[in-house]
Amino acid sequence: MKLTRFALNRPVTVLMAFAAVALIGLISWNRLPVELLPSLNYPQLTVMTAYENGAPPEIESLISKPIEEAVGTVQGVTRVASVAKEGV
């Protein structure tokens, strides 16, 4: 109730406060850097292989483990994970 009474009793003050906030917003918006295509880094490597009619244990031992060992030797790799499903 006090805020409403203040706004009704002092409309010029409220208008000046609104104008100041709007001006600061316009200045900030104008200085905000916008790039059409910003550079994005996804530090992730995905390797997907298909093995027809292969069971998950076969895929894991024949395909996933050798790939994990090869990828694990790359410098900067912190984590290696794999998922073996039937045929993939």
N, C-alpha and C. Protein backbone atom coordinates (compact mmCIF):
# COMPACT_ATOMS: atom_id res chain seq x y z
N MET A 1 0.82 -1.19 0.00
CA MET A 1 0.00 0.00 0.00
C MET A 1 0.87 1.26 0.00
N LYS A 2 2.00 1.20 0.72
CA LYS A 2 2.87 2.38 0.76
C LYS A 2 3.50 2.65 -0.59
N LEU A 3 3.84 1.59 -1.33
CA LEU A 3 4.44 1.76 -2.64
C LEU A 3 3.44 2.39 -3.61
N THR A 4 2.20 1.97 -3.54
CA THR A 4 1.17 2.53 -4.41
C THR A 4 0.92 3.99 -4.08
N ARG A 5 0.85 4.29 -2.80
CA ARG A 5 0.64 5.68 -2.37
C ARG A 5 1.80 6.56 -2.81
N PHE A 6 3.04 6.04 -2.66
CA PHE A 6 4.22 6.79 -3.09
C PHE A 6 4.17 7.06 -4.59
N ALA A 7 3.81 6.04 -5.38
CA ALA A 7 3.76 6.19 -6.83
C ALA A 7 2.67 7.18 -7.25
N LEU A 8 1.56 7.20 -6.54
CA LEU A 8 0.48 8.13 -6.88
C LEU A 8 0.79 9.55 -6.44
N ASN A 9 1.48 9.70 -5.32
CA ASN A 9 1.82 11.03 -4.83
C ASN A 9 3.01 11.65 -5.56
N ARG A 10 3.90 10.85 -6.08
CA ARG A 10 5.11 11.35 -6.75
C ARG A 10 5.27 10.70 -8.13
N PRO A 11 4.42 11.05 -9.07
CA PRO A 11 4.51 10.41 -10.40
C PRO A 11 5.76 10.80 -11.17
N VAL A 12 6.27 12.01 -10.99
CA VAL A 12 7.47 12.43 -11.71
C VAL A 12 8.68 11.62 -11.23
N THR A 13 8.78 11.35 -9.93
CA THR A 13 9.87 10.56 -9.38
C THR A 13 9.83 9.14 -9.95
N VAL A 14 8.65 8.55 -9.99
CA VAL A 14 8.51 7.20 -10.52
C VAL A 14 8.86 7.18 -12.01
N LEU A 15 8.43 8.20 -12.76
CA LEU A 15 8.74 8.28 -14.18
C LEU A 15 10.24 8.42 -14.41
N MET A 16 10.92 9.22 -13.60
CA MET A 16 12.37 9.39 -13.74
C MET A 16 13.10 8.09 -13.38
N ALA A 17 12.64 7.37 -12.37
CA ALA A 17 13.26 6.09 -12.01
C ALA A 17 13.08 5.08 -13.15
N PHE A 18 11.88 5.05 -13.73
CA PHE A 18 11.62 4.15 -14.86
C PHE A 18 12.50 4.54 -16.05
N ALA A 19 12.62 5.82 -16.33
CA ALA A 19 13.44 6.28 -17.45
C ALA A 19 14.91 5.92 -17.23
N ALA A 20 15.39 6.02 -15.99
CA ALA A 20 16.78 5.68 -15.69
C ALA A 20 17.02 4.18 -15.90
N VAL A 21 16.11 3.35 -15.45
CA VAL A 21 16.26 1.91 -15.63
C VAL A 21 16.20 1.56 -17.12
N ALA A 22 15.29 2.18 -17.86
CA ALA A 22 15.18 1.92 -19.30
C ALA A 22 16.44 2.38 -20.02
N LEU A 23 17.00 3.51 -19.65
CA LEU A 23 18.22 4.01 -20.28
C LEU A 23 19.41 3.09 -20.01
N ILE A 24 19.54 2.64 -18.79
CA ILE A 24 20.62 1.70 -18.45
C ILE A 24 20.44 0.40 -19.23
N GLY A 25 19.20 -0.06 -19.38
CA GLY A 25 18.94 -1.26 -20.16
C GLY A 25 19.29 -1.09 -21.62
N LEU A 26 18.96 0.04 -22.21
CA LEU A 26 19.30 0.29 -23.61
C LEU A 26 20.80 0.38 -23.83
N ILE A 27 21.50 1.04 -22.93
CA ILE A 27 22.96 1.13 -23.04
C ILE A 27 23.59 -0.26 -22.92
N SER A 28 23.12 -1.04 -21.98
CA SER A 28 23.66 -2.39 -21.80
C SER A 28 23.37 -3.26 -23.01
N TRP A 29 22.16 -3.16 -23.55
CA TRP A 29 21.79 -3.95 -24.72
C TRP A 29 22.63 -3.57 -25.93
N ASN A 30 22.91 -2.28 -26.07
CA ASN A 30 23.69 -1.81 -27.20
C ASN A 30 25.14 -2.29 -27.11
N ARG A 31 25.69 -2.42 -25.92
CA ARG A 31 27.08 -2.84 -25.74
C ARG A 31 27.24 -4.35 -25.63
N LEU A 32 26.17 -5.10 -25.65
CA LEU A 32 26.22 -6.55 -25.51
C LEU A 32 26.77 -7.16 -26.79
N PRO A 33 27.87 -7.91 -26.70
CA PRO A 33 28.43 -8.50 -27.92
C PRO A 33 27.57 -9.67 -28.39
N VAL A 34 27.26 -9.69 -29.68
CA VAL A 34 26.46 -10.76 -30.26
C VAL A 34 27.21 -11.28 -31.49
N GLU A 35 27.38 -12.58 -31.54
CA GLU A 35 28.03 -13.21 -32.68
C GLU A 35 27.03 -14.10 -33.38
N LEU A 36 27.10 -14.12 -34.69
CA LEU A 36 26.20 -14.96 -35.46
C LEU A 36 26.48 -16.43 -35.20
N LEU A 37 27.74 -16.81 -35.25
CA LEU A 37 28.14 -18.19 -34.99
C LEU A 37 29.26 -18.20 -33.94
N PRO A 38 28.92 -18.19 -32.65
CA PRO A 38 29.96 -18.21 -31.62
C PRO A 38 30.70 -19.54 -31.63
N SER A 39 31.95 -19.49 -31.23
CA SER A 39 32.73 -20.73 -31.18
C SER A 39 32.30 -21.56 -29.97
N LEU A 40 31.99 -22.79 -30.23
CA LEU A 40 31.56 -23.71 -29.18
C LEU A 40 32.51 -24.89 -29.16
N ASN A 41 32.92 -25.29 -27.98
CA ASN A 41 33.80 -26.43 -27.82
C ASN A 41 33.06 -27.52 -27.07
N TYR A 42 32.95 -28.66 -27.71
CA TYR A 42 32.37 -29.82 -27.06
C TYR A 42 33.50 -30.83 -26.90
N PRO A 43 34.11 -30.88 -25.74
CA PRO A 43 35.25 -31.78 -25.57
C PRO A 43 34.79 -33.23 -25.44
N GLN A 44 34.29 -33.77 -26.54
CA GLN A 44 33.74 -35.11 -26.51
C GLN A 44 34.01 -35.77 -27.86
N LEU A 45 34.33 -37.03 -27.81
CA LEU A 45 34.54 -37.82 -29.02
C LEU A 45 33.58 -38.99 -28.96
N THR A 46 32.84 -39.21 -30.02
CA THR A 46 31.90 -40.32 -30.08
C THR A 46 32.29 -41.23 -31.22
N VAL A 47 32.46 -42.52 -30.89
CA VAL A 47 32.76 -43.53 -31.90
C VAL A 47 31.61 -44.52 -31.85
N MET A 48 30.97 -44.74 -32.99
CA MET A 48 29.84 -45.66 -33.06
C MET A 48 30.14 -46.72 -34.10
N THR A 49 30.03 -47.97 -33.71
CA THR A 49 30.31 -49.06 -34.63
C THR A 49 29.12 -50.00 -34.69
N ALA A 50 28.95 -50.67 -35.80
CA ALA A 50 27.87 -51.64 -35.98
C ALA A 50 28.47 -53.01 -36.19
N TYR A 51 27.90 -54.00 -35.54
CA TYR A 51 28.35 -55.38 -35.66
C TYR A 51 27.10 -56.22 -35.74
N GLU A 52 26.77 -56.65 -36.95
CA GLU A 52 25.51 -57.36 -37.18
C GLU A 52 25.44 -58.66 -36.38
N ASN A 53 24.30 -58.89 -35.77
CA ASN A 53 24.00 -60.11 -35.01
C ASN A 53 25.03 -60.39 -33.91
N GLY A 54 25.58 -59.36 -33.34
CA GLY A 54 26.56 -59.53 -32.28
C GLY A 54 25.93 -59.32 -30.91
N ALA A 55 26.27 -60.18 -29.98
CA ALA A 55 25.79 -60.04 -28.61
C ALA A 55 26.65 -59.00 -27.90
N PRO A 56 26.10 -58.34 -26.89
CA PRO A 56 26.87 -57.32 -26.16
C PRO A 56 28.22 -57.79 -25.62
N PRO A 57 28.35 -59.00 -25.06
CA PRO A 57 29.69 -59.41 -24.60
C PRO A 57 30.71 -59.54 -25.75
N GLU A 58 30.25 -60.03 -26.91
CA GLU A 58 31.14 -60.12 -28.06
C GLU A 58 31.57 -58.74 -28.53
N ILE A 59 30.62 -57.85 -28.63
CA ILE A 59 30.92 -56.49 -29.08
C ILE A 59 31.88 -55.82 -28.13
N GLU A 60 31.67 -56.06 -26.84
CA GLU A 60 32.55 -55.43 -25.86
C GLU A 60 33.98 -55.94 -25.99
N SER A 61 34.15 -57.25 -26.10
CA SER A 61 35.50 -57.81 -26.15
C SER A 61 36.18 -57.62 -27.49
N LEU A 62 35.43 -57.71 -28.59
CA LEU A 62 36.04 -57.63 -29.91
C LEU A 62 36.19 -56.21 -30.45
N ILE A 63 35.27 -55.33 -30.06
CA ILE A 63 35.27 -53.99 -30.66
C ILE A 63 35.52 -52.90 -29.63
N SER A 64 34.73 -52.88 -28.57
CA SER A 64 34.79 -51.76 -27.62
C SER A 64 36.13 -51.67 -26.90
N LYS A 65 36.63 -52.79 -26.40
CA LYS A 65 37.89 -52.76 -25.63
C LYS A 65 39.07 -52.25 -26.47
N PRO A 66 39.28 -52.76 -27.71
CA PRO A 66 40.39 -52.22 -28.51
C PRO A 66 40.24 -50.73 -28.82
N ILE A 67 39.01 -50.30 -29.09
CA ILE A 67 38.80 -48.87 -29.36
C ILE A 67 39.06 -48.05 -28.11
N GLU A 68 38.59 -48.52 -26.95
CA GLU A 68 38.84 -47.80 -25.69
C GLU A 68 40.34 -47.70 -25.42
N GLU A 69 41.08 -48.77 -25.66
CA GLU A 69 42.53 -48.74 -25.42
C GLU A 69 43.23 -47.76 -26.36
N ALA A 70 42.79 -47.72 -27.61
CA ALA A 70 43.41 -46.80 -28.57
C ALA A 70 43.07 -45.35 -28.25
N VAL A 71 41.83 -45.09 -27.90
CA VAL A 71 41.41 -43.72 -27.59
C VAL A 71 41.99 -43.27 -26.25
N GLY A 72 42.16 -44.19 -25.33
CA GLY A 72 42.70 -43.86 -24.01
C GLY A 72 44.13 -43.37 -24.05
N THR A 73 44.87 -43.66 -25.13
CA THR A 73 46.26 -43.21 -25.22
C THR A 73 46.40 -41.78 -25.72
N VAL A 74 45.30 -41.19 -26.17
CA VAL A 74 45.34 -39.82 -26.67
C VAL A 74 45.57 -38.87 -25.51
N GLN A 75 46.46 -37.90 -25.70
CA GLN A 75 46.80 -36.96 -24.64
C GLN A 75 45.60 -36.06 -24.31
N GLY A 76 45.33 -35.87 -23.04
CA GLY A 76 44.26 -34.99 -22.59
C GLY A 76 42.96 -35.70 -22.31
N VAL A 77 42.87 -36.98 -22.62
CA VAL A 77 41.65 -37.73 -22.36
C VAL A 77 41.57 -38.02 -20.87
N THR A 78 40.44 -37.66 -20.26
CA THR A 78 40.30 -37.88 -18.82
C THR A 78 39.36 -39.03 -18.49
N ARG A 79 38.45 -39.34 -19.40
CA ARG A 79 37.48 -40.40 -19.12
C ARG A 79 37.09 -41.07 -20.42
N VAL A 80 37.00 -42.40 -20.37
CA VAL A 80 36.57 -43.18 -21.52
C VAL A 80 35.42 -44.07 -21.05
N ALA A 81 34.33 -44.06 -21.78
CA ALA A 81 33.17 -44.87 -21.43
C ALA A 81 32.60 -45.49 -22.69
N SER A 82 32.00 -46.66 -22.55
CA SER A 82 31.39 -47.30 -23.72
C SER A 82 30.10 -48.01 -23.31
N VAL A 83 29.26 -48.19 -24.31
CA VAL A 83 28.00 -48.90 -24.13
C VAL A 83 27.91 -49.93 -25.25
N ALA A 84 27.67 -51.17 -24.88
CA ALA A 84 27.54 -52.24 -25.87
C ALA A 84 26.11 -52.74 -25.87
N LYS A 85 25.47 -52.65 -27.04
CA LYS A 85 24.11 -53.15 -27.21
C LYS A 85 24.13 -54.18 -28.33
N GLU A 86 23.07 -54.88 -28.49
CA GLU A 86 23.01 -55.90 -29.52
C GLU A 86 23.07 -55.24 -30.90
N GLY A 87 24.09 -55.58 -31.66
CA GLY A 87 24.26 -55.04 -33.00
C GLY A 87 24.96 -53.71 -33.07
N VAL A 88 25.15 -53.04 -31.96
CA VAL A 88 25.79 -51.72 -31.96
C VAL A 88 26.85 -51.66 -30.87
